[in-house]
Amino acid sequence: MQAPPEAVFAVLADPRKHSVIDGSGTVQGEMSGPQRLVLGSKFGMRMRRGVGYRITNTVVEYEENRLIAWRHMLPGRWRYELAPEGDSATRVTDPTTTPR
C-alpha cells in the first residue's frame, strides 16, 4: 500500500472508516464506540448480508501502528499486521476474516 504504516493504522483504528476497507460490502455504517480503537475497545456497526443486523466487536490484539485485530461472538477475527516498506509504503498481512 502506498502509505506509511501510521496512515494505514489510523484508518484501521477508526471504526467509522471500516465501511471503506470492507471488501464484502456488508458493513453499512452507523458505528458506535470510541473514535480511536485500543486493546479491549468495543464497537458496534450496522451490517447487511441478505438481512440487516447489528454486531458488536472487541479489539483483541493491538500494537500501535503495527497490529490490530478484532472479533465478535461468532468464530471470526479480522487481523491486520503492518510492516513498513521503504519510506512511504506499507505491507499489510492477513487482511481477511480467519476462524479462531
N, C-alpha and C. Protein backbone atom coordinates (compact mmCIF):
# COMPACT_ATOMS: atom_id res chain seq x y z
N MET A 1 0.85 -1.16 0.00
CA MET A 1 0.00 0.00 0.00
C MET A 1 0.90 1.23 0.00
N GLN A 2 0.58 2.20 -0.78
CA GLN A 2 1.40 3.40 -0.90
C GLN A 2 1.04 4.44 0.15
N ALA A 3 1.27 4.09 1.40
CA ALA A 3 1.07 5.00 2.53
C ALA A 3 1.90 4.45 3.68
N PRO A 4 2.40 5.30 4.56
CA PRO A 4 3.18 4.81 5.70
C PRO A 4 2.29 4.05 6.69
N PRO A 5 2.88 3.16 7.50
CA PRO A 5 2.08 2.38 8.46
C PRO A 5 1.19 3.24 9.36
N GLU A 6 1.67 4.41 9.76
CA GLU A 6 0.87 5.27 10.65
C GLU A 6 -0.44 5.69 9.98
N ALA A 7 -0.40 5.98 8.69
CA ALA A 7 -1.61 6.40 7.97
C ALA A 7 -2.57 5.23 7.79
N VAL A 8 -2.04 4.06 7.48
CA VAL A 8 -2.88 2.86 7.32
C VAL A 8 -3.51 2.50 8.66
N PHE A 9 -2.71 2.52 9.71
CA PHE A 9 -3.21 2.16 11.03
C PHE A 9 -4.30 3.13 11.49
N ALA A 10 -4.15 4.41 11.16
CA ALA A 10 -5.17 5.40 11.55
C ALA A 10 -6.53 5.05 10.97
N VAL A 11 -6.57 4.52 9.76
CA VAL A 11 -7.84 4.10 9.15
C VAL A 11 -8.38 2.86 9.86
N LEU A 12 -7.51 1.88 10.12
CA LEU A 12 -7.95 0.65 10.77
C LEU A 12 -8.43 0.90 12.19
N ALA A 13 -7.81 1.84 12.89
CA ALA A 13 -8.16 2.12 14.29
C ALA A 13 -9.35 3.05 14.43
N ASP A 14 -9.93 3.49 13.33
CA ASP A 14 -11.11 4.35 13.35
C ASP A 14 -12.31 3.55 12.86
N PRO A 15 -13.17 3.05 13.75
CA PRO A 15 -14.28 2.19 13.31
C PRO A 15 -15.24 2.88 12.34
N ARG A 16 -15.28 4.20 12.33
CA ARG A 16 -16.14 4.92 11.38
C ARG A 16 -15.67 4.74 9.94
N LYS A 17 -14.44 4.29 9.74
CA LYS A 17 -13.90 4.11 8.39
C LYS A 17 -13.94 2.66 7.93
N HIS A 18 -14.49 1.76 8.72
CA HIS A 18 -14.47 0.34 8.36
C HIS A 18 -15.28 0.01 7.12
N SER A 19 -16.29 0.80 6.82
CA SER A 19 -17.04 0.52 5.58
C SER A 19 -16.16 0.79 4.36
N VAL A 20 -15.16 1.66 4.48
CA VAL A 20 -14.24 1.95 3.39
C VAL A 20 -13.31 0.77 3.11
N ILE A 21 -12.92 0.04 4.16
CA ILE A 21 -11.98 -1.07 3.98
C ILE A 21 -12.68 -2.41 3.79
N ASP A 22 -13.99 -2.44 3.95
CA ASP A 22 -14.75 -3.68 3.84
C ASP A 22 -14.93 -4.07 2.37
N GLY A 23 -14.28 -5.11 1.95
CA GLY A 23 -14.39 -5.57 0.57
C GLY A 23 -15.67 -6.36 0.29
N SER A 24 -16.38 -6.78 1.33
CA SER A 24 -17.57 -7.61 1.14
C SER A 24 -18.83 -6.78 0.92
N GLY A 25 -18.80 -5.52 1.32
CA GLY A 25 -19.99 -4.68 1.20
C GLY A 25 -21.01 -4.89 2.31
N THR A 26 -20.66 -5.68 3.34
CA THR A 26 -21.63 -5.95 4.41
C THR A 26 -21.65 -4.87 5.48
N VAL A 27 -20.55 -4.13 5.67
CA VAL A 27 -20.53 -3.06 6.67
C VAL A 27 -21.32 -1.88 6.12
N GLN A 28 -22.39 -1.54 6.81
CA GLN A 28 -23.30 -0.50 6.34
C GLN A 28 -23.13 0.82 7.07
N GLY A 29 -22.26 0.88 8.06
CA GLY A 29 -22.04 2.13 8.77
C GLY A 29 -22.75 2.16 10.09
N GLU A 30 -23.11 3.36 10.54
CA GLU A 30 -23.75 3.59 11.83
C GLU A 30 -22.96 2.93 12.95
N MET A 31 -21.76 3.43 13.15
CA MET A 31 -20.86 2.88 14.15
C MET A 31 -21.17 3.40 15.54
N SER A 32 -20.88 2.60 16.52
CA SER A 32 -20.94 3.04 17.91
C SER A 32 -19.63 2.62 18.57
N GLY A 33 -19.19 3.40 19.53
CA GLY A 33 -17.94 3.09 20.21
C GLY A 33 -16.98 4.27 20.12
N PRO A 34 -15.73 4.04 20.52
CA PRO A 34 -14.76 5.13 20.53
C PRO A 34 -14.36 5.56 19.11
N GLN A 35 -13.85 6.78 19.01
CA GLN A 35 -13.36 7.25 17.71
C GLN A 35 -12.04 6.59 17.35
N ARG A 36 -11.28 6.17 18.33
CA ARG A 36 -9.99 5.50 18.08
C ARG A 36 -9.96 4.24 18.93
N LEU A 37 -9.72 3.11 18.27
CA LEU A 37 -9.70 1.83 18.95
C LEU A 37 -8.37 1.60 19.66
N VAL A 38 -8.44 0.89 20.79
CA VAL A 38 -7.27 0.41 21.53
C VAL A 38 -7.62 -1.00 22.01
N LEU A 39 -6.68 -1.68 22.60
CA LEU A 39 -6.92 -3.02 23.11
C LEU A 39 -8.11 -3.01 24.07
N GLY A 40 -9.06 -3.90 23.84
CA GLY A 40 -10.24 -4.01 24.67
C GLY A 40 -11.42 -3.15 24.25
N SER A 41 -11.22 -2.25 23.31
CA SER A 41 -12.32 -1.40 22.84
C SER A 41 -13.45 -2.25 22.27
N LYS A 42 -14.66 -1.82 22.54
CA LYS A 42 -15.84 -2.45 21.94
C LYS A 42 -16.46 -1.45 20.98
N PHE A 43 -16.86 -1.93 19.80
CA PHE A 43 -17.51 -1.06 18.84
C PHE A 43 -18.55 -1.85 18.08
N GLY A 44 -19.62 -1.19 17.72
CA GLY A 44 -20.71 -1.84 17.01
C GLY A 44 -20.91 -1.22 15.65
N MET A 45 -21.57 -1.97 14.78
CA MET A 45 -21.86 -1.46 13.45
C MET A 45 -23.10 -2.13 12.88
N ARG A 46 -23.69 -1.45 11.93
CA ARG A 46 -24.84 -1.99 11.21
C ARG A 46 -24.29 -2.77 10.02
N MET A 47 -24.80 -3.96 9.83
CA MET A 47 -24.34 -4.86 8.78
C MET A 47 -25.52 -5.27 7.90
N ARG A 48 -25.19 -5.82 6.74
CA ARG A 48 -26.23 -6.37 5.87
C ARG A 48 -25.63 -7.50 5.06
N ARG A 49 -26.17 -8.69 5.26
CA ARG A 49 -25.85 -9.87 4.46
C ARG A 49 -27.18 -10.57 4.23
N GLY A 50 -27.88 -10.14 3.19
CA GLY A 50 -29.24 -10.61 2.96
C GLY A 50 -30.23 -9.82 3.79
N VAL A 51 -30.11 -9.90 5.10
CA VAL A 51 -30.93 -9.13 6.02
C VAL A 51 -30.03 -8.23 6.84
N GLY A 52 -30.59 -7.16 7.36
CA GLY A 52 -29.83 -6.24 8.19
C GLY A 52 -29.69 -6.75 9.60
N TYR A 53 -28.57 -6.45 10.24
CA TYR A 53 -28.35 -6.81 11.64
C TYR A 53 -27.27 -5.89 12.21
N ARG A 54 -27.12 -5.93 13.50
CA ARG A 54 -26.06 -5.17 14.18
C ARG A 54 -25.11 -6.16 14.84
N ILE A 55 -23.85 -5.78 14.92
CA ILE A 55 -22.84 -6.65 15.52
C ILE A 55 -21.93 -5.82 16.41
N THR A 56 -21.45 -6.40 17.49
CA THR A 56 -20.50 -5.74 18.38
C THR A 56 -19.18 -6.49 18.32
N ASN A 57 -18.10 -5.76 18.15
CA ASN A 57 -16.75 -6.32 18.07
C ASN A 57 -15.92 -5.85 19.26
N THR A 58 -14.88 -6.62 19.57
CA THR A 58 -13.93 -6.27 20.62
C THR A 58 -12.53 -6.36 20.05
N VAL A 59 -11.70 -5.34 20.30
CA VAL A 59 -10.30 -5.36 19.87
C VAL A 59 -9.55 -6.34 20.78
N VAL A 60 -8.95 -7.39 20.18
CA VAL A 60 -8.30 -8.45 20.94
C VAL A 60 -6.78 -8.47 20.78
N GLU A 61 -6.26 -7.75 19.80
CA GLU A 61 -4.81 -7.60 19.63
C GLU A 61 -4.56 -6.15 19.23
N TYR A 62 -3.49 -5.57 19.75
CA TYR A 62 -3.22 -4.17 19.44
C TYR A 62 -1.76 -3.85 19.70
N GLU A 63 -1.11 -3.32 18.72
CA GLU A 63 0.23 -2.76 18.85
C GLU A 63 0.27 -1.55 17.93
N GLU A 64 0.35 -0.38 18.51
CA GLU A 64 0.24 0.88 17.78
C GLU A 64 1.05 0.87 16.49
N ASN A 65 0.38 1.20 15.38
CA ASN A 65 0.97 1.32 14.05
C ASN A 65 1.55 0.02 13.49
N ARG A 66 1.28 -1.13 14.14
CA ARG A 66 1.83 -2.39 13.67
C ARG A 66 0.80 -3.52 13.57
N LEU A 67 -0.13 -3.60 14.54
CA LEU A 67 -1.04 -4.75 14.58
C LEU A 67 -2.35 -4.35 15.24
N ILE A 68 -3.46 -4.76 14.62
CA ILE A 68 -4.78 -4.60 15.24
C ILE A 68 -5.65 -5.76 14.78
N ALA A 69 -6.42 -6.29 15.72
CA ALA A 69 -7.35 -7.38 15.40
C ALA A 69 -8.59 -7.23 16.26
N TRP A 70 -9.74 -7.57 15.68
CA TRP A 70 -10.98 -7.55 16.44
C TRP A 70 -11.79 -8.78 16.09
N ARG A 71 -12.73 -9.09 16.97
CA ARG A 71 -13.60 -10.25 16.76
C ARG A 71 -14.96 -9.96 17.36
N HIS A 72 -15.94 -10.76 16.97
CA HIS A 72 -17.26 -10.69 17.59
C HIS A 72 -17.57 -12.06 18.16
N MET A 73 -18.81 -12.28 18.57
CA MET A 73 -19.15 -13.52 19.28
C MET A 73 -19.11 -14.76 18.39
N LEU A 74 -19.18 -14.61 17.09
CA LEU A 74 -19.11 -15.75 16.18
C LEU A 74 -17.64 -16.06 15.88
N PRO A 75 -17.34 -17.24 15.35
CA PRO A 75 -15.93 -17.58 15.10
C PRO A 75 -15.36 -16.84 13.90
N GLY A 76 -14.81 -15.72 14.15
CA GLY A 76 -14.17 -14.94 13.10
C GLY A 76 -13.31 -13.87 13.73
N ARG A 77 -12.25 -13.53 13.05
CA ARG A 77 -11.34 -12.50 13.55
C ARG A 77 -10.84 -11.71 12.35
N TRP A 78 -10.78 -10.41 12.49
CA TRP A 78 -10.24 -9.55 11.46
C TRP A 78 -8.93 -9.02 11.99
N ARG A 79 -7.83 -9.35 11.30
CA ARG A 79 -6.50 -9.05 11.81
C ARG A 79 -5.68 -8.38 10.72
N TYR A 80 -5.03 -7.29 11.07
CA TYR A 80 -4.19 -6.55 10.14
C TYR A 80 -2.82 -6.35 10.77
N GLU A 81 -1.80 -6.88 10.13
CA GLU A 81 -0.42 -6.70 10.58
C GLU A 81 0.28 -5.82 9.55
N LEU A 82 0.92 -4.75 10.01
CA LEU A 82 1.53 -3.77 9.12
C LEU A 82 3.05 -3.78 9.26
N ALA A 83 3.73 -3.62 8.14
CA ALA A 83 5.19 -3.51 8.13
C ALA A 83 5.59 -2.46 7.11
N PRO A 84 6.52 -1.57 7.49
CA PRO A 84 6.95 -0.55 6.53
C PRO A 84 7.71 -1.18 5.37
N GLU A 85 7.53 -0.61 4.20
CA GLU A 85 8.29 -1.00 3.01
C GLU A 85 8.84 0.28 2.39
N GLY A 86 10.09 0.54 2.65
CA GLY A 86 10.67 1.79 2.18
C GLY A 86 10.21 2.94 3.03
N ASP A 87 10.26 4.14 2.46
CA ASP A 87 9.92 5.35 3.21
C ASP A 87 8.43 5.65 3.26
N SER A 88 7.67 5.19 2.27
CA SER A 88 6.27 5.63 2.22
C SER A 88 5.30 4.54 1.78
N ALA A 89 5.63 3.29 2.07
CA ALA A 89 4.72 2.19 1.71
C ALA A 89 4.58 1.25 2.90
N THR A 90 3.52 0.45 2.87
CA THR A 90 3.22 -0.48 3.95
C THR A 90 2.79 -1.81 3.37
N ARG A 91 3.32 -2.89 3.93
CA ARG A 91 2.86 -4.23 3.60
C ARG A 91 1.82 -4.61 4.65
N VAL A 92 0.62 -5.00 4.19
CA VAL A 92 -0.47 -5.40 5.07
C VAL A 92 -0.62 -6.91 4.94
N THR A 93 -0.53 -7.61 6.08
CA THR A 93 -0.62 -9.06 6.10
C THR A 93 -1.89 -9.51 6.80
N ASP A 94 -2.55 -10.54 6.22
CA ASP A 94 -3.72 -11.18 6.80
C ASP A 94 -4.91 -10.24 6.94
N PRO A 95 -5.28 -9.54 5.88
CA PRO A 95 -6.42 -8.62 5.98
C PRO A 95 -7.76 -9.30 5.75
N THR A 96 -7.89 -10.56 6.09
CA THR A 96 -9.15 -11.26 5.85
C THR A 96 -9.68 -11.87 7.14
N THR A 97 -10.90 -12.29 7.11
CA THR A 97 -11.50 -12.97 8.24
C THR A 97 -10.87 -14.35 8.37
N THR A 98 -10.47 -14.70 9.60
CA THR A 98 -9.91 -16.01 9.83
C THR A 98 -10.59 -16.65 11.04
N PRO A 99 -11.00 -17.90 10.94
CA PRO A 99 -11.62 -18.56 12.08
C PRO A 99 -10.62 -18.72 13.23
N ARG A 100 -11.07 -18.51 14.44
CA ARG A 100 -10.23 -18.68 15.64
C ARG A 100 -11.06 -19.29 16.72
